[in-house]
Amino acid sequence: MSVPYHRLPRVDARWRWWRPLVALAFLVGYYIATQVVLAVAYFVPIGATQGAAGLTSFQDDLTSGALDPTDPLILSLTLLSLVVLLPGVLLAVKIARIGPAGILSSTRFRVRWRWALWCLLPTIVIAIPMFLLQTWGMFSFDGGFGWDHDAIGQSTVSPATLTFTIVMVLVLVPFQGAAEEYVFRGFLVQTIASWIPVRVVGVVVAVAVSTVVFAAGHIANGYNVWGILDVGSFGLIAAIIVLRTGGMEATVLQHAFNNIMIFVLQAPGWSKIDLDSSNSTPESFVFSFATSLVFWGLIELLARWRKLDRRFPGQEAPRFRGPTPVWAEGRQWTRPGGTGWAVAPARGPETDRRTTVVGPYDAAPVDETVGVAPRS
């Protein structure tokens, strides 16, 4: 027996349908609190140095919906507002006792670092055509390789600002991409799929909901219909990859590389290039969707070659009704893959805690490890 990624919460005997709602309530409260802290950290210094006019201008830039990669203040606040979701969602699953924080990472309840390193290969392979698409027409080969300033104009930011922005992007964007993946492809998918008893239905509904919510979250950025379809297709393929590989490693890398490339190329603020990301075209959507499909195919081939263990080696914990049977007591019953649960009856008459267990429950001791594979 084994458990797929989207059913991992069911491995823990403490799982109940309401625990994800507790986690969601905590995450919402945590997010609001962190946004207030970030607002104070940014608005107070700006108000003290630039006055009311500076605050108004900064607020207008934030509410415009268009992310300006040439403004380090706007870019850093936008990225940090998403980065804080990563520790928030990891803490939420622990507080709600859905499982350990690593339950969102993979079927090994941790980040599979060796697999993540292997995933760098297809990520880089896909990054090459994406880079060529993003920079099409920006380079000149007349008299040597260089920027085609006749086509893109001149940089509108200083070298110091450009350097600071690029460093900030390289540091923050991987965590921003991971935060979005863990929330949408991790927490949301596992929550919905665990609620629905029929696994196939649960998978379809979980992927559909996570994709729609992820795409809808970008509407505020001013994306046109092709931009929303582009984001939605990215989220769809990412969700499938997470389910097929049993973890977040591949999609976090893809998300991070994609965003880093976009922000770095836009950071110089070329005077003849429109930085508005809302003007997507059918051609850009088709190309983006095609590269996502190719990335998925490469990950599948790599997973087969590496014989990736995509499922949790064990089975879902038995669901108890009423008092927990005496044979199910102890910490070992509430840990993922805890010893003993593999041989427990899936359902049976309730047993009084004060009485001795008799009958089929004596088939194996509580600490029996038969059928429980290691998670290391």
Protein backbone atom coordinates (compact mmCIF):
# COMPACT_ATOMS: atom_id res chain seq x y z
CA MET A 1 0.00 0.00 0.00
CA SER A 2 1.08 3.59 -0.57
CA VAL A 3 -0.35 7.06 -0.30
CA PRO A 4 -0.12 9.75 -3.05
CA TYR A 5 0.92 13.32 -2.32
CA HIS A 6 -2.58 14.79 -2.33
CA ARG A 7 -3.76 12.33 0.37
CA LEU A 8 -0.84 12.79 2.78
CA PRO A 9 -2.94 14.49 5.50
CA ARG A 10 -4.90 11.24 5.78
CA VAL A 11 -1.74 9.42 6.92
CA ASP A 12 -1.97 11.09 10.33
CA ALA A 13 -4.63 9.57 12.59
CA ARG A 14 -5.38 13.04 13.99
CA TRP A 15 -6.67 14.32 10.65
CA ARG A 16 -10.20 15.72 10.73
CA TRP A 17 -12.10 17.66 8.06
CA TRP A 18 -12.06 20.85 10.14
CA ARG A 19 -8.30 21.01 10.72
CA PRO A 20 -7.56 22.61 7.31
CA LEU A 21 -10.10 25.31 8.16
CA VAL A 22 -8.18 26.03 11.37
CA ALA A 23 -4.98 26.23 9.35
CA LEU A 24 -6.63 28.56 6.83
CA ALA A 25 -7.94 30.83 9.60
CA PHE A 26 -4.47 31.02 11.13
CA LEU A 27 -2.88 31.71 7.73
CA VAL A 28 -5.32 34.55 6.99
CA GLY A 29 -4.72 36.13 10.38
CA TYR A 30 -0.97 35.68 10.05
CA TYR A 31 -1.00 37.21 6.57
CA ILE A 32 -2.97 40.27 7.68
CA ALA A 33 -0.63 40.77 10.64
CA THR A 34 2.50 40.52 8.49
CA GLN A 35 1.07 42.94 5.93
CA VAL A 36 0.46 45.48 8.69
CA VAL A 37 4.03 45.05 9.91
CA LEU A 38 5.41 45.46 6.38
CA ALA A 39 3.23 48.52 5.76
CA VAL A 40 4.52 50.18 8.92
CA ALA A 41 8.11 49.27 8.06
CA TYR A 42 7.78 50.92 4.63
CA PHE A 43 5.31 53.75 5.11
CA VAL A 44 6.78 55.24 8.28
CA PRO A 45 10.28 55.88 6.82
CA ILE A 46 8.79 57.16 3.55
CA GLY A 47 6.48 59.53 5.42
CA ALA A 48 9.34 60.75 7.60
CA THR A 49 11.63 61.46 4.65
CA GLN A 50 9.25 62.42 1.83
CA GLY A 51 6.17 63.65 3.65
CA ALA A 52 2.54 63.25 2.64
CA ALA A 53 3.31 63.64 -1.06
CA GLY A 54 5.76 60.75 -0.96
CA LEU A 55 3.28 58.53 0.87
CA THR A 56 0.53 59.32 -1.63
CA SER A 57 2.79 58.60 -4.58
CA PHE A 58 3.99 55.32 -3.05
CA GLN A 59 0.45 54.22 -2.30
CA ASP A 60 -0.70 55.06 -5.84
CA ASP A 61 2.12 52.95 -7.26
CA LEU A 62 1.15 50.02 -5.04
CA THR A 63 -2.56 50.16 -5.90
CA SER A 64 -2.03 50.60 -9.63
CA GLY A 65 -1.67 46.83 -10.02
CA ALA A 66 1.33 47.14 -12.35
CA LEU A 67 4.53 45.82 -10.79
CA ASP A 68 7.47 48.10 -11.65
CA PRO A 69 10.73 46.10 -11.49
CA THR A 70 12.71 49.34 -11.81
CA ASP A 71 11.51 50.57 -8.41
CA PRO A 72 13.32 48.63 -5.65
CA LEU A 73 10.86 49.81 -2.97
CA ILE A 74 7.77 48.63 -4.84
CA LEU A 75 9.41 45.40 -5.95
CA SER A 76 10.80 44.52 -2.51
CA LEU A 77 7.48 45.17 -0.73
CA THR A 78 5.59 43.12 -3.31
CA LEU A 79 8.00 40.20 -3.03
CA LEU A 80 8.15 40.29 0.77
CA SER A 81 4.35 40.38 1.01
CA LEU A 82 4.41 36.97 -0.70
CA VAL A 83 7.56 35.57 0.88
CA VAL A 84 5.98 35.76 4.35
CA LEU A 85 3.37 33.23 3.20
CA LEU A 86 6.00 30.48 3.17
CA PRO A 87 6.70 30.30 6.92
CA GLY A 88 3.02 31.11 7.50
CA VAL A 89 1.63 28.09 5.64
CA LEU A 90 4.26 25.76 7.14
CA LEU A 91 3.38 26.97 10.62
CA ALA A 92 -0.35 26.73 9.89
CA VAL A 93 -0.26 23.00 9.14
CA LYS A 94 1.63 22.35 12.37
CA ILE A 95 -0.65 24.48 14.53
CA ALA A 96 -3.76 22.83 13.06
CA ARG A 97 -2.09 19.42 13.53
CA ILE A 98 -2.57 18.47 9.92
CA GLY A 99 0.93 17.04 10.01
CA PRO A 100 4.57 18.14 10.21
CA ALA A 101 5.60 21.18 8.19
CA GLY A 102 7.27 18.88 5.68
CA ILE A 103 3.93 17.37 4.70
CA LEU A 104 3.68 20.06 2.02
CA SER A 105 7.19 19.44 0.70
CA SER A 106 6.94 15.88 -0.54
CA THR A 107 5.81 12.34 0.16
CA ARG A 108 8.99 12.03 2.26
CA PHE A 109 7.77 14.81 4.53
CA ARG A 110 10.83 16.87 3.66
CA VAL A 111 12.53 18.51 0.69
CA ARG A 112 14.23 15.86 -1.41
CA TRP A 113 17.41 17.85 -2.03
CA ARG A 114 19.09 15.30 -4.31
CA TRP A 115 15.99 15.19 -6.51
CA ALA A 116 15.88 19.00 -6.47
CA LEU A 117 19.43 19.13 -7.83
CA TRP A 118 18.48 16.78 -10.65
CA CYS A 119 15.47 19.01 -11.43
CA LEU A 120 17.88 21.84 -12.19
CA LEU A 121 18.70 20.15 -15.51
CA PRO A 122 15.24 20.40 -17.15
CA THR A 123 14.73 23.79 -15.50
CA ILE A 124 17.80 25.19 -17.22
CA VAL A 125 16.89 23.49 -20.50
CA ILE A 126 13.50 25.23 -20.45
CA ALA A 127 15.01 28.52 -19.30
CA ILE A 128 17.01 28.79 -22.52
CA PRO A 129 14.05 29.11 -24.96
CA MET A 130 12.22 31.26 -22.42
CA PHE A 131 15.22 33.60 -22.30
CA LEU A 132 15.35 33.74 -26.10
CA LEU A 133 11.65 34.62 -26.20
CA GLN A 134 11.96 37.31 -23.53
CA THR A 135 15.00 38.90 -25.22
CA TRP A 136 13.83 38.57 -28.83
CA GLY A 137 14.92 41.70 -30.69
CA MET A 138 16.85 43.12 -27.71
CA PHE A 139 20.35 42.15 -28.94
CA SER A 140 22.41 43.35 -31.85
CA PHE A 141 25.17 41.48 -33.69
CA ASP A 142 26.37 44.42 -35.79
CA GLY A 143 29.94 45.10 -34.77
CA GLY A 144 29.79 42.44 -32.05
CA PHE A 145 27.27 41.08 -29.58
CA GLY A 146 25.46 43.67 -27.46
CA TRP A 147 22.21 45.41 -26.64
CA ASP A 148 20.27 46.84 -29.56
CA HIS A 149 19.72 50.30 -28.12
CA ASP A 150 17.93 51.46 -31.26
CA ALA A 151 15.20 48.92 -30.47
CA ILE A 152 15.12 48.95 -26.66
CA GLY A 153 16.42 52.42 -25.87
CA GLN A 154 18.59 53.22 -22.86
CA SER A 155 18.43 52.06 -19.27
CA THR A 156 16.44 54.43 -17.05
CA VAL A 157 17.97 53.35 -13.74
CA SER A 158 21.41 53.94 -12.26
CA PRO A 159 24.00 51.15 -12.12
CA ALA A 160 23.79 51.10 -8.32
CA THR A 161 20.01 50.72 -8.37
CA LEU A 162 20.21 48.04 -11.05
CA THR A 163 22.79 46.06 -9.06
CA PHE A 164 20.73 46.32 -5.88
CA THR A 165 17.58 45.20 -7.70
CA ILE A 166 19.23 42.18 -9.30
CA VAL A 167 20.70 41.03 -5.98
CA MET A 168 17.31 41.49 -4.29
CA VAL A 169 15.58 39.47 -7.01
CA LEU A 170 18.09 36.63 -6.73
CA VAL A 171 17.62 36.49 -2.95
CA LEU A 172 13.84 36.96 -2.61
CA VAL A 173 12.27 35.46 -5.73
CA PRO A 174 13.12 31.80 -4.91
CA PHE A 175 11.24 32.19 -1.61
CA GLN A 176 8.40 34.05 -3.32
CA GLY A 177 8.01 31.26 -5.87
CA ALA A 178 8.18 28.63 -3.12
CA ALA A 179 5.52 30.46 -1.10
CA GLU A 180 3.05 30.46 -3.99
CA GLU A 181 3.74 26.81 -4.77
CA TYR A 182 3.32 25.69 -1.17
CA VAL A 183 0.05 27.60 -0.78
CA PHE A 184 -1.62 26.77 -4.11
CA ARG A 185 -0.10 23.46 -5.20
CA GLY A 186 0.54 22.22 -1.66
CA PHE A 187 -1.90 23.30 1.02
CA LEU A 188 -4.88 23.91 -1.25
CA VAL A 189 -4.47 20.70 -3.25
CA GLN A 190 -3.96 18.50 -0.18
CA THR A 191 -6.86 20.09 1.67
CA ILE A 192 -9.43 19.66 -1.10
CA ALA A 193 -8.25 16.20 -2.15
CA SER A 194 -8.36 14.97 1.45
CA TRP A 195 -11.92 16.21 1.88
CA ILE A 196 -13.26 14.16 -1.03
CA PRO A 197 -13.40 10.38 -0.37
CA VAL A 198 -13.23 9.36 -4.05
CA ARG A 199 -9.58 9.87 -4.98
CA VAL A 200 -10.05 10.54 -8.69
CA VAL A 201 -12.74 13.12 -8.04
CA GLY A 202 -10.63 14.67 -5.32
CA VAL A 203 -7.64 15.05 -7.63
CA VAL A 204 -9.67 16.65 -10.42
CA VAL A 205 -11.47 19.08 -8.12
CA ALA A 206 -8.29 19.98 -6.21
CA VAL A 207 -6.31 20.71 -9.38
CA ALA A 208 -9.17 22.69 -10.93
CA VAL A 209 -9.78 24.82 -7.84
CA SER A 210 -6.09 25.53 -7.22
CA THR A 211 -5.60 26.51 -10.87
CA VAL A 212 -8.59 28.85 -10.95
CA VAL A 213 -7.71 30.49 -7.63
CA PHE A 214 -4.08 30.92 -8.70
CA ALA A 215 -5.08 32.54 -11.99
CA ALA A 216 -7.72 34.73 -10.34
CA GLY A 217 -5.10 36.01 -7.91
CA HIS A 218 -3.27 37.63 -10.83
CA ILE A 219 -6.26 39.57 -12.12
CA ALA A 220 -5.39 42.46 -9.81
CA ASN A 221 -2.06 42.78 -11.65
CA GLY A 222 -3.91 43.98 -14.74
CA TYR A 223 -3.36 40.89 -16.89
CA ASN A 224 -5.48 40.61 -20.01
CA VAL A 225 -7.31 37.41 -20.91
CA TRP A 226 -4.23 35.85 -22.54
CA GLY A 227 -2.15 36.72 -19.52
CA ILE A 228 -4.66 35.03 -17.21
CA LEU A 229 -4.73 31.96 -19.47
CA ASP A 230 -0.93 31.95 -19.43
CA VAL A 231 -0.85 32.02 -15.61
CA GLY A 232 -3.65 29.47 -15.40
CA SER A 233 -1.91 27.02 -17.73
CA PHE A 234 1.29 27.40 -15.72
CA GLY A 235 -0.61 26.60 -12.52
CA LEU A 236 -2.36 23.62 -14.12
CA ILE A 237 0.85 21.98 -15.33
CA ALA A 238 2.58 22.78 -12.03
CA ALA A 239 -0.19 21.04 -10.08
CA ILE A 240 0.08 17.96 -12.31
CA ILE A 241 3.86 17.88 -11.88
CA VAL A 242 3.53 18.06 -8.08
CA LEU A 243 1.10 15.14 -8.10
CA ARG A 244 3.18 13.12 -10.55
CA THR A 245 6.47 13.62 -8.65
CA GLY A 246 5.01 13.63 -5.16
CA GLY A 247 6.64 16.91 -4.18
CA MET A 248 7.32 20.58 -4.72
CA GLU A 249 10.93 20.55 -5.86
CA ALA A 250 10.48 20.78 -9.62
CA THR A 251 7.74 23.41 -9.66
CA VAL A 252 9.48 25.67 -7.12
CA LEU A 253 12.57 25.71 -9.34
CA GLN A 254 10.51 26.37 -12.47
CA HIS A 255 8.55 29.17 -10.79
CA ALA A 256 11.68 30.78 -9.36
CA PHE A 257 13.67 30.65 -12.61
CA ASN A 258 10.76 32.05 -14.61
CA ASN A 259 10.22 35.02 -12.28
CA ILE A 260 13.94 35.74 -11.86
CA MET A 261 14.36 35.93 -15.62
CA ILE A 262 11.43 38.31 -16.04
CA PHE A 263 12.45 40.67 -13.23
CA VAL A 264 16.14 40.77 -14.18
CA LEU A 265 15.40 41.54 -17.83
CA GLN A 266 12.97 44.30 -16.88
CA ALA A 267 15.14 45.77 -14.10
CA PRO A 268 17.15 48.12 -16.42
CA GLY A 269 13.90 49.85 -17.40
CA TRP A 270 14.67 50.15 -21.11
CA SER A 271 13.13 53.39 -22.34
CA LYS A 272 11.53 51.91 -25.48
CA ILE A 273 10.13 48.75 -23.86
CA ASP A 274 6.75 48.67 -22.18
CA LEU A 275 7.15 47.00 -18.80
CA ASP A 276 3.40 46.42 -18.50
CA SER A 277 3.01 42.64 -18.15
CA SER A 278 -0.69 42.76 -18.98
CA ASN A 279 -0.23 42.88 -22.76
CA SER A 280 0.04 39.15 -23.41
CA THR A 281 -0.72 37.74 -26.84
CA PRO A 282 -2.11 34.44 -28.12
CA GLU A 283 1.36 33.62 -29.44
CA SER A 284 3.02 34.18 -26.05
CA PHE A 285 0.35 32.05 -24.36
CA VAL A 286 0.86 29.16 -26.80
CA PHE A 287 4.64 29.34 -26.40
CA SER A 288 4.43 29.46 -22.61
CA PHE A 289 1.98 26.57 -22.48
CA ALA A 290 4.16 24.54 -24.84
CA THR A 291 7.27 25.09 -22.72
CA SER A 292 5.35 24.05 -19.60
CA LEU A 293 4.32 20.82 -21.35
CA VAL A 294 7.91 20.18 -22.41
CA PHE A 295 9.11 20.81 -18.86
CA TRP A 296 6.55 18.31 -17.56
CA GLY A 297 7.73 15.75 -20.10
CA LEU A 298 11.38 16.23 -19.12
CA ILE A 299 10.53 15.87 -15.45
CA GLU A 300 8.62 12.66 -16.16
CA LEU A 301 11.58 11.20 -18.05
CA LEU A 302 13.97 12.24 -15.31
CA ALA A 303 11.75 10.77 -12.59
CA ARG A 304 11.57 7.43 -14.43
CA TRP A 305 15.31 7.39 -15.01
CA ARG A 306 16.04 8.19 -11.36
CA LYS A 307 13.33 5.74 -10.19
CA LEU A 308 11.84 8.48 -8.07
CA ASP A 309 9.72 7.29 -5.15
CA ARG A 310 6.59 9.34 -5.79
CA ARG A 311 4.32 7.97 -3.03
CA PHE A 312 4.43 7.59 0.73
CA PRO A 313 5.27 3.97 1.62
CA GLY A 314 2.37 3.00 3.86
CA GLN A 315 -1.35 3.54 3.96
CA GLU A 316 -3.88 6.00 5.27
CA ALA A 317 -4.48 5.86 9.01
CA PRO A 318 -7.73 4.25 10.17
CA ARG A 319 -10.52 6.68 10.91
CA PHE A 320 -11.79 6.42 14.45
CA ARG A 321 -15.26 7.30 15.63
CA GLY A 322 -15.79 8.18 19.25
CA PRO A 323 -13.05 7.35 21.80
CA THR A 324 -9.77 6.19 20.33
CA PRO A 325 -9.37 2.41 20.85
CA VAL A 326 -6.81 1.37 23.43
CA TRP A 327 -4.62 -0.27 20.80
CA ALA A 328 -4.34 3.09 19.02
CA GLU A 329 -3.10 5.11 21.96
CA GLY A 330 0.40 6.51 22.18
CA ARG A 331 2.46 8.95 20.18
CA GLN A 332 3.37 6.33 17.57
CA TRP A 333 -0.20 6.44 16.28
CA THR A 334 -0.16 10.14 15.50
CA ARG A 335 3.06 10.35 13.55
CA PRO A 336 3.12 9.89 9.77
CA GLY A 337 3.87 6.24 9.21
CA GLY A 338 3.92 5.59 12.95
CA THR A 339 4.63 2.02 13.96
CA GLY A 340 1.66 -0.20 14.39
CA TRP A 341 -1.00 1.49 12.33
CA ALA A 342 -0.44 -0.70 9.27
CA VAL A 343 -1.85 -3.73 11.07
CA ALA A 344 -4.75 -1.94 12.79
CA PRO A 345 -8.31 -2.78 11.75
CA ALA A 346 -9.75 -0.12 9.48
CA ARG A 347 -12.98 -0.03 11.45
CA GLY A 348 -14.50 -2.02 14.28
CA PRO A 349 -16.57 -1.80 17.43
CA GLU A 350 -15.42 0.80 19.89
CA THR A 351 -13.43 -0.53 22.82
CA ASP A 352 -13.60 0.82 26.34
CA ARG A 353 -10.25 2.31 27.39
CA ARG A 354 -10.49 0.54 30.76
CA THR A 355 -10.94 -2.94 29.32
CA THR A 356 -8.51 -5.35 27.79
CA VAL A 357 -8.60 -5.65 24.04
CA VAL A 358 -9.71 -9.04 22.85
CA GLY A 359 -10.51 -10.72 19.58
CA PRO A 360 -9.02 -9.58 16.26
CA TYR A 361 -7.34 -6.56 17.87
CA ASP A 362 -4.85 -8.95 19.48
CA ALA A 363 -3.63 -10.06 16.08
CA ALA A 364 -0.46 -7.96 16.42
CA PRO A 365 1.10 -5.81 19.13
CA VAL A 366 0.87 -2.01 18.89
CA ASP A 367 4.58 -1.66 18.20
CA GLU A 368 4.55 -4.13 15.32
CA THR A 369 6.29 -2.60 12.30
CA VAL A 370 5.04 -4.96 9.59
CA GLY A 371 4.12 -3.08 6.45
CA VAL A 372 5.65 0.21 7.53
CA ALA A 373 8.47 1.35 5.26
CA PRO A 374 11.14 3.80 6.45
CA ARG A 375 10.81 7.48 5.46
CA SER A 376 14.49 8.33 5.29
